[in-house]
PDB file of N, CA and C in Angstrom:
ATOM      1  N   MET A   1       0.829  -1.190   0.000  1.00  0.00           N
ATOM      2  CA  MET A   1       0.000   0.000   0.000  1.00  0.00           C
ATOM      3  C   MET A   1       0.872   1.252   0.000  1.00  0.00           C
ATOM      4  N   LYS A   2       1.949   1.251   0.809  1.00  0.00           N
ATOM      5  CA  LYS A   2       2.835   2.398   0.867  1.00  0.00           C
ATOM      6  C   LYS A   2       3.505   2.633  -0.486  1.00  0.00           C
ATOM      7  N   ASN A   3       3.902   1.541  -1.167  1.00  0.00           N
ATOM      8  CA  ASN A   3       4.534   1.670  -2.477  1.00  0.00           C
ATOM      9  C   ASN A   3       3.572   2.277  -3.489  1.00  0.00           C
ATOM     10  N   THR A   4       2.309   1.869  -3.462  1.00  0.00           N
ATOM     11  CA  THR A   4       1.301   2.410  -4.374  1.00  0.00           C
ATOM     12  C   THR A   4       1.075   3.887  -4.108  1.00  0.00           C
ATOM     13  N   THR A   5       0.977   4.266  -2.842  1.00  0.00           N
ATOM     14  CA  THR A   5       0.782   5.671  -2.478  1.00  0.00           C
ATOM     15  C   THR A   5       1.979   6.508  -2.908  1.00  0.00           C
ATOM     16  N   ALA A   6       3.182   6.003  -2.684  1.00  0.00           N
ATOM     17  CA  ALA A   6       4.392   6.732  -3.071  1.00  0.00           C
ATOM     18  C   ALA A   6       4.468   6.886  -4.587  1.00  0.00           C
ATOM     19  N   LEU A   7       4.130   5.847  -5.324  1.00  0.00           N
ATOM     20  CA  LEU A   7       4.153   5.913  -6.785  1.00  0.00           C
ATOM     21  C   LEU A   7       3.128   6.915  -7.289  1.00  0.00           C
ATOM     22  N   LEU A   8       1.938   6.917  -6.732  1.00  0.00           N
ATOM     23  CA  LEU A   8       0.902   7.869  -7.129  1.00  0.00           C
ATOM     24  C   LEU A   8       1.347   9.300  -6.845  1.00  0.00           C
ATOM     25  N   ALA A   9       1.944   9.533  -5.701  1.00  0.00           N
ATOM     26  CA  ALA A   9       2.442  10.870  -5.364  1.00  0.00           C
ATOM     27  C   ALA A   9       3.520  11.305  -6.341  1.00  0.00           C
ATOM     28  N   LEU A  10       4.405  10.392  -6.723  1.00  0.00           N
ATOM     29  CA  LEU A  10       5.464  10.708  -7.679  1.00  0.00           C
ATOM     30  C   LEU A  10       4.882  11.052  -9.041  1.00  0.00           C
ATOM     31  N   ILE A  11       3.908  10.303  -9.505  1.00  0.00           N
ATOM     32  CA  ILE A  11       3.264  10.567 -10.798  1.00  0.00           C
ATOM     33  C   ILE A  11       2.563  11.911 -10.781  1.00  0.00           C
ATOM     34  N   LEU A  12       1.823  12.205  -9.718  1.00  0.00           N
ATOM     35  CA  LEU A  12       1.114  13.480  -9.627  1.00  0.00           C
ATOM     36  C   LEU A  12       2.087  14.652  -9.588  1.00  0.00           C
ATOM     37  N   THR A  13       3.194  14.498  -8.886  1.00  0.00           N
ATOM     38  CA  THR A  13       4.196  15.558  -8.821  1.00  0.00           C
ATOM     39  C   THR A  13       4.819  15.779 -10.183  1.00  0.00           C
ATOM     40  N   ALA A  14       5.167  14.707 -10.883  1.00  0.00           N
ATOM     41  CA  ALA A  14       5.776  14.829 -12.204  1.00  0.00           C
ATOM     42  C   ALA A  14       4.802  15.432 -13.198  1.00  0.00           C
ATOM     43  N   THR A  15       3.542  15.050 -13.133  1.00  0.00           N
ATOM     44  CA  THR A  15       2.539  15.572 -14.043  1.00  0.00           C
ATOM     45  C   THR A  15       2.286  17.049 -13.792  1.00  0.00           C
ATOM     46  N   SER A  16       2.130  17.435 -12.539  1.00  0.00           N
ATOM     47  CA  SER A  16       1.836  18.825 -12.243  1.00  0.00           C
ATOM     48  C   SER A  16       3.032  19.725 -12.520  1.00  0.00           C
ATOM     49  N   ALA A  17       4.247  19.171 -12.447  1.00  0.00           N
ATOM     50  CA  ALA A  17       5.440  19.972 -12.706  1.00  0.00           C
ATOM     51  C   ALA A  17       5.508  20.397 -14.169  1.00  0.00           C
ATOM     52  N   SER A  18       4.966  19.618 -15.076  1.00  0.00           N
ATOM     53  CA  SER A  18       5.041  19.962 -16.493  1.00  0.00           C
ATOM     54  C   SER A  18       3.800  20.709 -16.979  1.00  0.00           C
ATOM     55  N   ALA A  19       2.817  20.860 -16.138  1.00  0.00           N
ATOM     56  CA  ALA A  19       1.599  21.586 -16.515  1.00  0.00           C
ATOM     57  C   ALA A  19       1.844  23.091 -16.402  1.00  0.00           C
ATOM     58  N   THR A  20       1.254  23.848 -17.319  1.00  0.00           N
ATOM     59  CA  THR A  20       1.364  25.299 -17.291  1.00  0.00           C
ATOM     60  C   THR A  20      -0.040  25.880 -17.245  1.00  0.00           C
ATOM     61  N   GLU A  21      -0.258  26.830 -16.332  1.00  0.00           N
ATOM     62  CA  GLU A  21      -1.573  27.457 -16.206  1.00  0.00           C
ATOM     63  C   GLU A  21      -1.556  28.837 -16.839  1.00  0.00           C
ATOM     64  N   TYR A  22      -2.606  29.124 -17.592  1.00  0.00           N
ATOM     65  CA  TYR A  22      -2.811  30.416 -18.226  1.00  0.00           C
ATOM     66  C   TYR A  22      -4.155  30.953 -17.742  1.00  0.00           C
ATOM     67  N   THR A  23      -4.277  32.258 -17.679  1.00  0.00           N
ATOM     68  CA  THR A  23      -5.532  32.848 -17.214  1.00  0.00           C
ATOM     69  C   THR A  23      -5.898  34.070 -18.045  1.00  0.00           C
ATOM     70  N   ARG A  24      -7.117  34.456 -17.897  1.00  0.00           N
ATOM     71  CA  ARG A  24      -7.650  35.730 -18.373  1.00  0.00           C
ATOM     72  C   ARG A  24      -8.848  35.998 -17.482  1.00  0.00           C
ATOM     73  N   PRO A  25      -9.432  37.179 -17.515  1.00  0.00           N
ATOM     74  CA  PRO A  25     -10.562  37.427 -16.612  1.00  0.00           C
ATOM     75  C   PRO A  25     -11.644  36.342 -16.734  1.00  0.00           C
ATOM     76  N   ASN A  26     -11.991  35.744 -15.621  1.00  0.00           N
ATOM     77  CA  ASN A  26     -13.053  34.732 -15.517  1.00  0.00           C
ATOM     78  C   ASN A  26     -12.769  33.448 -16.292  1.00  0.00           C
ATOM     79  N   ALA A  27     -11.483  33.135 -16.523  1.00  0.00           N
ATOM     80  CA  ALA A  27     -11.161  31.911 -17.254  1.00  0.00           C
ATOM     81  C   ALA A  27      -9.778  31.403 -16.879  1.00  0.00           C
ATOM     82  N   SER A  28      -9.623  30.082 -16.922  1.00  0.00           N
ATOM     83  CA  SER A  28      -8.311  29.478 -16.716  1.00  0.00           C
ATOM     84  C   SER A  28      -8.121  28.339 -17.713  1.00  0.00           C
ATOM     85  N   LEU A  29      -6.881  28.130 -18.077  1.00  0.00           N
ATOM     86  CA  LEU A  29      -6.494  27.104 -19.038  1.00  0.00           C
ATOM     87  C   LEU A  29      -5.268  26.413 -18.486  1.00  0.00           C
ATOM     88  N   ILE A  30      -5.284  25.092 -18.461  1.00  0.00           N
ATOM     89  CA  ILE A  30      -4.114  24.320 -18.051  1.00  0.00           C
ATOM     90  C   ILE A  30      -3.686  23.477 -19.239  1.00  0.00           C
ATOM     91  N   LEU A  31      -2.421  23.603 -19.620  1.00  0.00           N
ATOM     92  CA  LEU A  31      -1.846  22.823 -20.713  1.00  0.00           C
ATOM     93  C   LEU A  31      -0.774  21.904 -20.158  1.00  0.00           C
ATOM     94  N   THR A  32      -0.819  20.631 -20.564  1.00  0.00           N
ATOM     95  CA  THR A  32       0.150  19.643 -20.136  1.00  0.00           C
ATOM     96  C   THR A  32       0.607  18.858 -21.361  1.00  0.00           C
ATOM     97  N   PRO A  33       1.903  18.913 -21.702  1.00  0.00           N
ATOM     98  CA  PRO A  33       2.378  18.131 -22.845  1.00  0.00           C
ATOM     99  C   PRO A  33       2.048  16.658 -22.676  1.00  0.00           C
ATOM    100  N   ASP A  34       1.617  16.035 -23.761  1.00  0.00           N
ATOM    101  CA  ASP A  34       1.255  14.620 -23.779  1.00  0.00           C
ATOM    102  C   ASP A  34       1.884  14.016 -25.033  1.00  0.00           C
ATOM    103  N   GLY A  35       3.171  13.695 -24.950  1.00  0.00           N
ATOM    104  CA  GLY A  35       3.895  13.254 -26.144  1.00  0.00           C
ATOM    105  C   GLY A  35       3.984  14.428 -27.110  1.00  0.00           C
ATOM    106  N   HIS A  36       3.574  14.224 -28.359  1.00  0.00           N
ATOM    107  CA  HIS A  36       3.551  15.310 -29.341  1.00  0.00           C
ATOM    108  C   HIS A  36       2.259  16.112 -29.263  1.00  0.00           C
ATOM    109  N   ASN A  37       1.329  15.668 -28.460  1.00  0.00           N
ATOM    110  CA  ASN A  37       0.029  16.321 -28.333  1.00  0.00           C
ATOM    111  C   ASN A  37      -0.013  17.191 -27.076  1.00  0.00           C
ATOM    112  N   MET A  38      -1.174  17.773 -26.781  1.00  0.00           N
ATOM    113  CA  MET A  38      -1.307  18.662 -25.628  1.00  0.00           C
ATOM    114  C   MET A  38      -2.611  18.373 -24.894  1.00  0.00           C
ATOM    115  N   ALA A  39      -2.501  17.946 -23.639  1.00  0.00           N
ATOM    116  CA  ALA A  39      -3.683  17.792 -22.792  1.00  0.00           C
ATOM    117  C   ALA A  39      -4.077  19.185 -22.318  1.00  0.00           C
ATOM    118  N   PHE A  40      -5.388  19.424 -22.231  1.00  0.00           N
ATOM    119  CA  PHE A  40      -5.856  20.750 -21.831  1.00  0.00           C
ATOM    120  C   PHE A  40      -7.078  20.646 -20.944  1.00  0.00           C
ATOM    121  N   SER A  41      -7.296  21.696 -20.173  1.00  0.00           N
ATOM    122  CA  SER A  41      -8.491  21.844 -19.353  1.00  0.00           C
ATOM    123  C   SER A  41      -8.843  23.324 -19.357  1.00  0.00           C
ATOM    124  N   ILE A  42     -10.071  23.646 -19.758  1.00  0.00           N
ATOM    125  CA  ILE A  42     -10.530  25.026 -19.806  1.00  0.00           C
ATOM    126  C   ILE A  42     -11.740  25.167 -18.889  1.00  0.00           C
ATOM    127  N   ASN A  43     -11.737  26.216 -18.068  1.00  0.00           N
ATOM    128  CA  ASN A  43     -12.877  26.575 -17.217  1.00  0.00           C
ATOM    129  C   ASN A  43     -13.101  28.066 -17.396  1.00  0.00           C
ATOM    130  N   SER A  44     -14.332  28.464 -17.718  1.00  0.00           N
ATOM    131  CA  SER A  44     -14.584  29.886 -17.966  1.00  0.00           C
ATOM    132  C   SER A  44     -16.026  30.260 -17.672  1.00  0.00           C
ATOM    133  N   SER A  45     -16.247  31.571 -17.607  1.00  0.00           N
ATOM    134  CA  SER A  45     -17.597  32.126 -17.446  1.00  0.00           C
ATOM    135  C   SER A  45     -17.541  33.578 -17.889  1.00  0.00           C
ATOM    136  N   TYR A  46     -18.656  34.270 -17.804  1.00  0.00           N
ATOM    137  CA  TYR A  46     -18.685  35.696 -18.096  1.00  0.00           C
ATOM    138  C   TYR A  46     -18.778  36.505 -16.814  1.00  0.00           C
ATOM    139  N   GLY A  47     -18.221  36.023 -15.753  1.00  0.00           N
ATOM    140  CA  GLY A  47     -18.245  36.758 -14.493  1.00  0.00           C
ATOM    141  C   GLY A  47     -19.198  36.114 -13.522  1.00  0.00           C
ATOM    142  N   GLU A  48     -20.082  36.903 -12.986  1.00  0.00           N
ATOM    143  CA  GLU A  48     -20.964  36.415 -11.940  1.00  0.00           C
ATOM    144  C   GLU A  48     -22.274  35.859 -12.480  1.00  0.00           C
ATOM    145  N   THR A  49     -22.214  35.305 -13.678  1.00  0.00           N
ATOM    146  CA  THR A  49     -23.399  34.657 -14.247  1.00  0.00           C
ATOM    147  C   THR A  49     -23.515  33.254 -13.664  1.00  0.00           C
ATOM    148  N   THR A  50     -24.602  32.601 -13.925  1.00  0.00           N
ATOM    149  CA  THR A  50     -24.810  31.264 -13.387  1.00  0.00           C
ATOM    150  C   THR A  50     -24.177  30.188 -14.248  1.00  0.00           C
ATOM    151  N   GLY A  51     -23.819  30.512 -15.463  1.00  0.00           N
ATOM    152  CA  GLY A  51     -23.273  29.505 -16.363  1.00  0.00           C
ATOM    153  C   GLY A  51     -21.762  29.494 -16.381  1.00  0.00           C
ATOM    154  N   VAL A  52     -21.193  28.298 -16.519  1.00  0.00           N
ATOM    155  CA  VAL A  52     -19.759  28.133 -16.677  1.00  0.00           C
ATOM    156  C   VAL A  52     -19.501  27.168 -17.825  1.00  0.00           C
ATOM    157  N   CYS A  53     -18.286  27.223 -18.373  1.00  0.00           N
ATOM    158  CA  CYS A  53     -17.846  26.270 -19.396  1.00  0.00           C
ATOM    159  C   CYS A  53     -16.750  25.410 -18.791  1.00  0.00           C
ATOM    160  N   ASN A  54     -16.802  24.131 -19.061  1.00  0.00           N
ATOM    161  CA  ASN A  54     -15.768  23.189 -18.637  1.00  0.00           C
ATOM    162  C   ASN A  54     -15.507  22.236 -19.785  1.00  0.00           C
ATOM    163  N   MET A  55     -14.266  22.195 -20.249  1.00  0.00           N
ATOM    164  CA  MET A  55     -13.917  21.293 -21.344  1.00  0.00           C
ATOM    165  C   MET A  55     -12.487  20.817 -21.128  1.00  0.00           C
ATOM    166  N   GLU A  56     -12.241  19.536 -21.406  1.00  0.00           N
ATOM    167  CA  GLU A  56     -10.892  18.990 -21.301  1.00  0.00           C
ATOM    168  C   GLU A  56     -10.722  17.871 -22.298  1.00  0.00           C
ATOM    169  N   GLY A  57      -9.477  17.605 -22.635  1.00  0.00           N
ATOM    170  CA  GLY A  57      -9.181  16.543 -23.576  1.00  0.00           C
ATOM    171  C   GLY A  57      -7.714  16.568 -23.953  1.00  0.00           C
ATOM    172  N   VAL A  58      -7.376  15.851 -25.016  1.00  0.00           N
ATOM    173  CA  VAL A  58      -6.018  15.843 -25.553  1.00  0.00           C
ATOM    174  C   VAL A  58      -6.110  16.300 -26.997  1.00  0.00           C
ATOM    175  N   ALA A  59      -5.503  17.458 -27.277  1.00  0.00           N
ATOM    176  CA  ALA A  59      -5.534  18.047 -28.614  1.00  0.00           C
ATOM    177  C   ALA A  59      -4.355  17.529 -29.437  1.00  0.00           C
ATOM    178  N   GLN A  60      -4.609  17.316 -30.717  1.00  0.00           N
ATOM    179  CA  GLN A  60      -3.602  16.807 -31.639  1.00  0.00           C
ATOM    180  C   GLN A  60      -2.759  17.948 -32.207  1.00  0.00           C
ATOM    181  N   THR A  61      -1.471  17.720 -32.342  1.00  0.00           N
ATOM    182  CA  THR A  61      -0.572  18.714 -32.903  1.00  0.00           C
ATOM    183  C   THR A  61      -0.850  18.909 -34.385  1.00  0.00           C
ATOM    184  N   VAL A  62      -0.900  20.171 -34.808  1.00  0.00           N
ATOM    185  CA  VAL A  62      -0.996  20.532 -36.225  1.00  0.00           C
ATOM    186  C   VAL A  62       0.075  21.593 -36.491  1.00  0.00           C
ATOM    187  N   PRO A  63       0.479  21.786 -37.744  1.00  0.00           N
ATOM    188  CA  PRO A  63       1.518  22.778 -38.029  1.00  0.00           C
ATOM    189  C   PRO A  63       1.089  24.180 -37.581  1.00  0.00           C
ATOM    190  N   PRO A  64       1.996  24.893 -36.901  1.00  0.00           N
ATOM    191  CA  PRO A  64       1.666  26.256 -36.472  1.00  0.00           C
ATOM    192  C   PRO A  64       1.592  27.208 -37.657  1.00  0.00           C
ATOM    193  N   MET A  65       0.806  28.248 -37.506  1.00  0.00           N
ATOM    194  CA  MET A  65       0.706  29.283 -38.521  1.00  0.00           C
ATOM    195  C   MET A  65       1.765  30.345 -38.227  1.00  0.00           C
ATOM    196  N   SER A  66       1.915  31.307 -39.093  1.00  0.00           N
ATOM    197  CA  SER A  66       2.877  32.385 -38.918  1.00  0.00           C
ATOM    198  C   SER A  66       2.653  33.083 -37.573  1.00  0.00           C
ATOM    199  N   GLY A  67       3.719  33.297 -36.812  1.00  0.00           N
ATOM    200  CA  GLY A  67       3.621  33.969 -35.525  1.00  0.00           C
ATOM    201  C   GLY A  67       3.299  33.048 -34.365  1.00  0.00           C
ATOM    202  N   GLN A  68       3.151  31.753 -34.630  1.00  0.00           N
ATOM    203  CA  GLN A  68       2.811  30.798 -33.573  1.00  0.00           C
ATOM    204  C   GLN A  68       3.984  29.878 -33.275  1.00  0.00           C
ATOM    205  N   LYS A  69       4.137  29.520 -31.990  1.00  0.00           N
ATOM    206  CA  LYS A  69       5.147  28.543 -31.581  1.00  0.00           C
ATOM    207  C   LYS A  69       4.596  27.130 -31.665  1.00  0.00           C
ATOM    208  N   GLY A  70       3.306  26.974 -31.386  1.00  0.00           N
ATOM    209  CA  GLY A  70       2.674  25.667 -31.392  1.00  0.00           C
ATOM    210  C   GLY A  70       1.191  25.803 -31.653  1.00  0.00           C
ATOM    211  N   ARG A  71       0.586  24.714 -32.132  1.00  0.00           N
ATOM    212  CA  ARG A  71      -0.852  24.734 -32.438  1.00  0.00           C
ATOM    213  C   ARG A  71      -1.409  23.323 -32.302  1.00  0.00           C
ATOM    214  N   TRP A  72      -2.581  23.232 -31.655  1.00  0.00           N
ATOM    215  CA  TRP A  72      -3.217  21.942 -31.424  1.00  0.00           C
ATOM    216  C   TRP A  72      -4.708  22.068 -31.699  1.00  0.00           C
ATOM    217  N   VAL A  73      -5.289  20.965 -32.181  1.00  0.00           N
ATOM    218  CA  VAL A  73      -6.723  20.943 -32.487  1.00  0.00           C
ATOM    219  C   VAL A  73      -7.358  19.761 -31.776  1.00  0.00           C
ATOM    220  N   TRP A  74      -8.518  20.019 -31.167  1.00  0.00           N
ATOM    221  CA  TRP A  74      -9.291  18.972 -30.501  1.00  0.00           C
ATOM    222  C   TRP A  74     -10.702  18.995 -31.060  1.00  0.00           C
ATOM    223  N   SER A  75     -11.249  17.817 -31.313  1.00  0.00           N
ATOM    224  CA  SER A  75     -12.654  17.742 -31.735  1.00  0.00           C
ATOM    225  C   SER A  75     -13.350  16.657 -30.936  1.00  0.00           C
ATOM    226  N   ASP A  76     -14.594  16.928 -30.622  1.00  0.00           N
ATOM    227  CA  ASP A  76     -15.428  16.015 -29.853  1.00  0.00           C
ATOM    228  C   ASP A  76     -16.030  15.000 -30.814  1.00  0.00           C
ATOM    229  N   ASN A  77     -15.881  13.731 -30.501  1.00  0.00           N
ATOM    230  CA  ASN A  77     -16.447  12.680 -31.348  1.00  0.00           C
ATOM    231  C   ASN A  77     -17.963  12.610 -31.278  1.00  0.00           C
ATOM    232  N   ASN A  78     -18.568  13.229 -30.246  1.00  0.00           N
ATOM    233  CA  ASN A  78     -20.010  13.131 -30.040  1.00  0.00           C
ATOM    234  C   ASN A  78     -20.774  14.398 -30.405  1.00  0.00           C
ATOM    235  N   SER A  79     -20.069  15.423 -30.901  1.00  0.00           N
ATOM    236  CA  SER A  79     -20.733  16.658 -31.293  1.00  0.00           C
ATOM    237  C   SER A  79     -19.895  17.336 -32.376  1.00  0.00           C
ATOM    238  N   GLN A  80     -20.280  18.536 -32.753  1.00  0.00           N
ATOM    239  CA  GLN A  80     -19.535  19.273 -33.767  1.00  0.00           C
ATOM    240  C   GLN A  80     -18.501  20.204 -33.139  1.00  0.00           C
ATOM    241  N   CYS A  81     -18.254  20.070 -31.858  1.00  0.00           N
ATOM    242  CA  CYS A  81     -17.326  20.951 -31.133  1.00  0.00           C
ATOM    243  C   CYS A  81     -15.889  20.756 -31.614  1.00  0.00           C
ATOM    244  N   VAL A  82     -15.241  21.880 -31.936  1.00  0.00           N
ATOM    245  CA  VAL A  82     -13.825  21.903 -32.307  1.00  0.00           C
ATOM    246  C   VAL A  82     -13.161  23.037 -31.534  1.00  0.00           C
ATOM    247  N   ALA A  83     -12.009  22.756 -30.944  1.00  0.00           N
ATOM    248  CA  ALA A  83     -11.235  23.774 -30.239  1.00  0.00           C
ATOM    249  C   ALA A  83      -9.840  23.834 -30.844  1.00  0.00           C
ATOM    250  N   VAL A  84      -9.359  25.042 -31.099  1.00  0.00           N
ATOM    251  CA  VAL A  84      -8.004  25.257 -31.593  1.00  0.00           C
ATOM    252  C   VAL A  84      -7.246  26.011 -30.513  1.00  0.00           C
ATOM    253  N   ILE A  85      -6.108  25.459 -30.117  1.00  0.00           N
ATOM    254  CA  ILE A  85      -5.249  26.063 -29.105  1.00  0.00           C
ATOM    255  C   ILE A  85      -3.982  26.506 -29.818  1.00  0.00           C
ATOM    256  N   SER A  86      -3.704  27.800 -29.778  1.00  0.00           N
ATOM    257  CA  SER A  86      -2.540  28.343 -30.477  1.00  0.00           C
ATOM    258  C   SER A  86      -1.621  29.038 -29.491  1.00  0.00           C
ATOM    259  N   GLU A  87      -0.374  28.568 -29.430  1.00  0.00           N
ATOM    260  CA  GLU A  87       0.628  29.233 -28.598  1.00  0.00           C
ATOM    261  C   GLU A  87       1.315  30.287 -29.464  1.00  0.00           C
ATOM    262  N   ILE A  88       1.148  31.526 -29.088  1.00  0.00           N
ATOM    263  CA  ILE A  88       1.676  32.641 -29.858  1.00  0.00           C
ATOM    264  C   ILE A  88       3.109  32.912 -29.402  1.00  0.00           C
ATOM    265  N   ARG A  89       3.954  33.365 -30.292  1.00  0.00           N
ATOM    266  CA  ARG A  89       5.365  33.595 -29.974  1.00  0.00           C
ATOM    267  C   ARG A  89       5.571  34.533 -28.794  1.00  0.00           C
ATOM    268  N   SER A  90       4.636  35.418 -28.530  1.00  0.00           N
ATOM    269  CA  SER A  90       4.757  36.355 -27.407  1.00  0.00           C
ATOM    270  C   SER A  90       4.537  35.674 -26.057  1.00  0.00           C
ATOM    271  N   GLY A  91       4.163  34.401 -26.057  1.00  0.00           N
ATOM    272  CA  GLY A  91       3.920  33.677 -24.813  1.00  0.00           C
ATOM    273  C   GLY A  91       2.452  33.552 -24.458  1.00  0.00           C
ATOM    274  N   LEU A  92       1.594  34.230 -25.201  1.00  0.00           N
ATOM    275  CA  LEU A  92       0.154  34.105 -24.973  1.00  0.00           C
ATOM    276  C   LEU A  92      -0.359  32.821 -25.620  1.00  0.00           C
ATOM    277  N   VAL A  93      -1.504  32.369 -25.157  1.00  0.00           N
ATOM    278  CA  VAL A  93      -2.175  31.231 -25.769  1.00  0.00           C
ATOM    279  C   VAL A  93      -3.567  31.697 -26.170  1.00  0.00           C
ATOM    280  N   GLU A  94      -3.959  31.402 -27.391  1.00  0.00           N
ATOM    281  CA  GLU A  94      -5.272  31.804 -27.891  1.00  0.00           C
ATOM    282  C   GLU A  94      -6.138  30.563 -28.097  1.00  0.00           C
ATOM    283  N   ILE A  95      -7.369  30.636 -27.594  1.00  0.00           N
ATOM    284  CA  ILE A  95      -8.344  29.562 -27.752  1.00  0.00           C
ATOM    285  C   ILE A  95      -9.440  30.044 -28.689  1.00  0.00           C
ATOM    286  N   THR A  96      -9.762  29.222 -29.673  1.00  0.00           N
ATOM    287  CA  THR A  96     -10.884  29.484 -30.565  1.00  0.00           C
ATOM    288  C   THR A  96     -11.733  28.223 -30.599  1.00  0.00           C
ATOM    289  N   THR A  97     -13.019  28.356 -30.318  1.00  0.00           N
ATOM    290  CA  THR A  97     -13.913  27.202 -30.339  1.00  0.00           C
ATOM    291  C   THR A  97     -15.033  27.432 -31.344  1.00  0.00           C
ATOM    292  N   LYS A  98     -15.592  26.326 -31.810  1.00  0.00           N
ATOM    293  CA  LYS A  98     -16.755  26.385 -32.701  1.00  0.00           C
ATOM    294  C   LYS A  98     -17.660  25.208 -32.368  1.00  0.00           C
ATOM    295  N   GLY A  99     -18.927  25.491 -32.146  1.00  0.00           N
ATOM    296  CA  GLY A  99     -19.899  24.438 -31.865  1.00  0.00           C
ATOM    297  C   GLY A  99     -19.751  23.807 -30.492  1.00  0.00           C
ATOM    298  N   CYS A 100     -19.148  24.516 -29.541  1.00  0.00           N
ATOM    299  CA  CYS A 100     -18.864  23.945 -28.218  1.00  0.00           C
ATOM    300  C   CYS A 100     -19.804  24.437 -27.134  1.00  0.00           C
ATOM    301  N   ASP A 101     -20.913  25.045 -27.489  1.00  0.00           N
ATOM    302  CA  ASP A 101     -21.834  25.589 -26.488  1.00  0.00           C
ATOM    303  C   ASP A 101     -22.370  24.521 -25.541  1.00  0.00           C
ATOM    304  N   GLY A 102     -22.358  23.262 -25.951  1.00  0.00           N
ATOM    305  CA  GLY A 102     -22.813  22.172 -25.102  1.00  0.00           C
ATOM    306  C   GLY A 102     -21.934  21.959 -23.880  1.00  0.00           C
ATOM    307  N   TYR A 103     -20.745  22.518 -23.879  1.00  0.00           N
ATOM    308  CA  TYR A 103     -19.846  22.424 -22.728  1.00  0.00           C
ATOM    309  C   TYR A 103     -20.068  23.565 -21.751  1.00  0.00           C
ATOM    310  N   CYS A 104     -21.033  24.416 -22.049  1.00  0.00           N
ATOM    311  CA  CYS A 104     -21.259  25.623 -21.265  1.00  0.00           C
ATOM    312  C   CYS A 104     -22.701  25.724 -20.793  1.00  0.00           C
ATOM    313  N   GLY A 105     -22.862  26.386 -19.656  1.00  0.00           N
ATOM    314  CA  GLY A 105     -24.190  26.811 -19.271  1.00  0.00           C
ATOM    315  C   GLY A 105     -24.623  27.898 -20.243  1.00  0.00           C
ATOM    316  N   LEU A 106     -25.911  28.096 -20.418  1.00  0.00           N
ATOM    317  CA  LEU A 106     -26.431  29.013 -21.435  1.00  0.00           C
ATOM    318  C   LEU A 106     -25.809  30.395 -21.366  1.00  0.00           C
ATOM    319  N   SER A 107     -25.631  30.933 -20.178  1.00  0.00           N
ATOM    320  CA  SER A 107     -25.112  32.295 -20.075  1.00  0.00           C
ATOM    321  C   SER A 107     -23.590  32.373 -20.210  1.00  0.00           C
ATOM    322  N   ALA A 108     -22.900  31.252 -20.428  1.00  0.00           N
ATOM    323  CA  ALA A 108     -21.445  31.256 -20.565  1.00  0.00           C
ATOM    324  C   ALA A 108     -20.972  30.897 -21.968  1.00  0.00           C
ATOM    325  N   ALA A 109     -21.887  30.602 -22.876  1.00  0.00           N
ATOM    326  CA  ALA A 109     -21.507  30.197 -24.235  1.00  0.00           C
ATOM    327  C   ALA A 109     -20.562  31.217 -24.843  1.00  0.00           C
ATOM    328  N   GLY A 110     -19.448  30.733 -25.396  1.00  0.00           N
ATOM    329  CA  GLY A 110     -18.463  31.592 -26.027  1.00  0.00           C
ATOM    330  C   GLY A 110     -17.395  32.127 -25.096  1.00  0.00           C
ATOM    331  N   SER A 111     -17.516  31.880 -23.796  1.00  0.00           N
ATOM    332  CA  SER A 111     -16.572  32.471 -22.843  1.00  0.00           C
ATOM    333  C   SER A 111     -15.200  31.803 -22.832  1.00  0.00           C
ATOM    334  N   MET A 112     -15.032  30.649 -23.475  1.00  0.00           N
ATOM    335  CA  MET A 112     -13.729  29.994 -23.525  1.00  0.00           C
ATOM    336  C   MET A 112     -12.790  30.695 -24.506  1.00  0.00           C
ATOM    337  N   ASP A 113     -13.341  31.337 -25.529  1.00  0.00           N
ATOM    338  CA  ASP A 113     -12.524  31.946 -26.578  1.00  0.00           C
ATOM    339  C   ASP A 113     -11.777  33.166 -26.073  1.00  0.00           C
ATOM    340  N   GLY A 114     -10.567  33.343 -26.560  1.00  0.00           N
ATOM    341  CA  GLY A 114      -9.795  34.536 -26.228  1.00  0.00           C
ATOM    342  C   GLY A 114      -8.340  34.220 -25.977  1.00  0.00           C
ATOM    343  N   ARG A 115      -7.610  35.241 -25.549  1.00  0.00           N
ATOM    344  CA  ARG A 115      -6.181  35.114 -25.271  1.00  0.00           C
ATOM    345  C   ARG A 115      -5.937  34.969 -23.774  1.00  0.00           C
ATOM    346  N   TYR A 116      -5.103  34.002 -23.443  1.00  0.00           N
ATOM    347  CA  TYR A 116      -4.762  33.691 -22.061  1.00  0.00           C
ATOM    348  C   TYR A 116      -3.265  33.986 -21.856  1.00  0.00           C
ATOM    349  N   HIS A 117      -2.904  34.407 -20.651  1.00  0.00           N
ATOM    350  CA  HIS A 117      -1.498  34.671 -20.344  1.00  0.00           C
ATOM    351  C   HIS A 117      -1.091  33.927 -19.088  1.00  0.00           C
ATOM    352  N   GLN A 118       0.226  33.748 -18.918  1.00  0.00           N
ATOM    353  CA  GLN A 118       0.731  33.048 -17.730  1.00  0.00           C
ATOM    354  C   GLN A 118       0.676  33.937 -16.521  1.00  0.00           C
TER     355      GLN A 118
END
């Protein structure tokens, strides 16, 4: 039991050490490298509304566009939701979603999109 607990603690420490958190008003984004891909978790709202957005997954690497250091795309197999995560050379991360309102309460739809900073 002690070995299992120690191993779990080591894995959690190693995983959290490589995760990077980005924020913007009323939103947070956590990115964790997953091989060539990027695991992500987004939580957002429009402030003190009752609705929030929560989405997570592993985005696939795609070639970055001009001005970008990295770019990843995630799509939901059960809906038309697509999220593009772009790491901009300035250190910001930009999220663009389409068809992802199902991950949000009604008053938070669209709140995941925008630029996040460390």
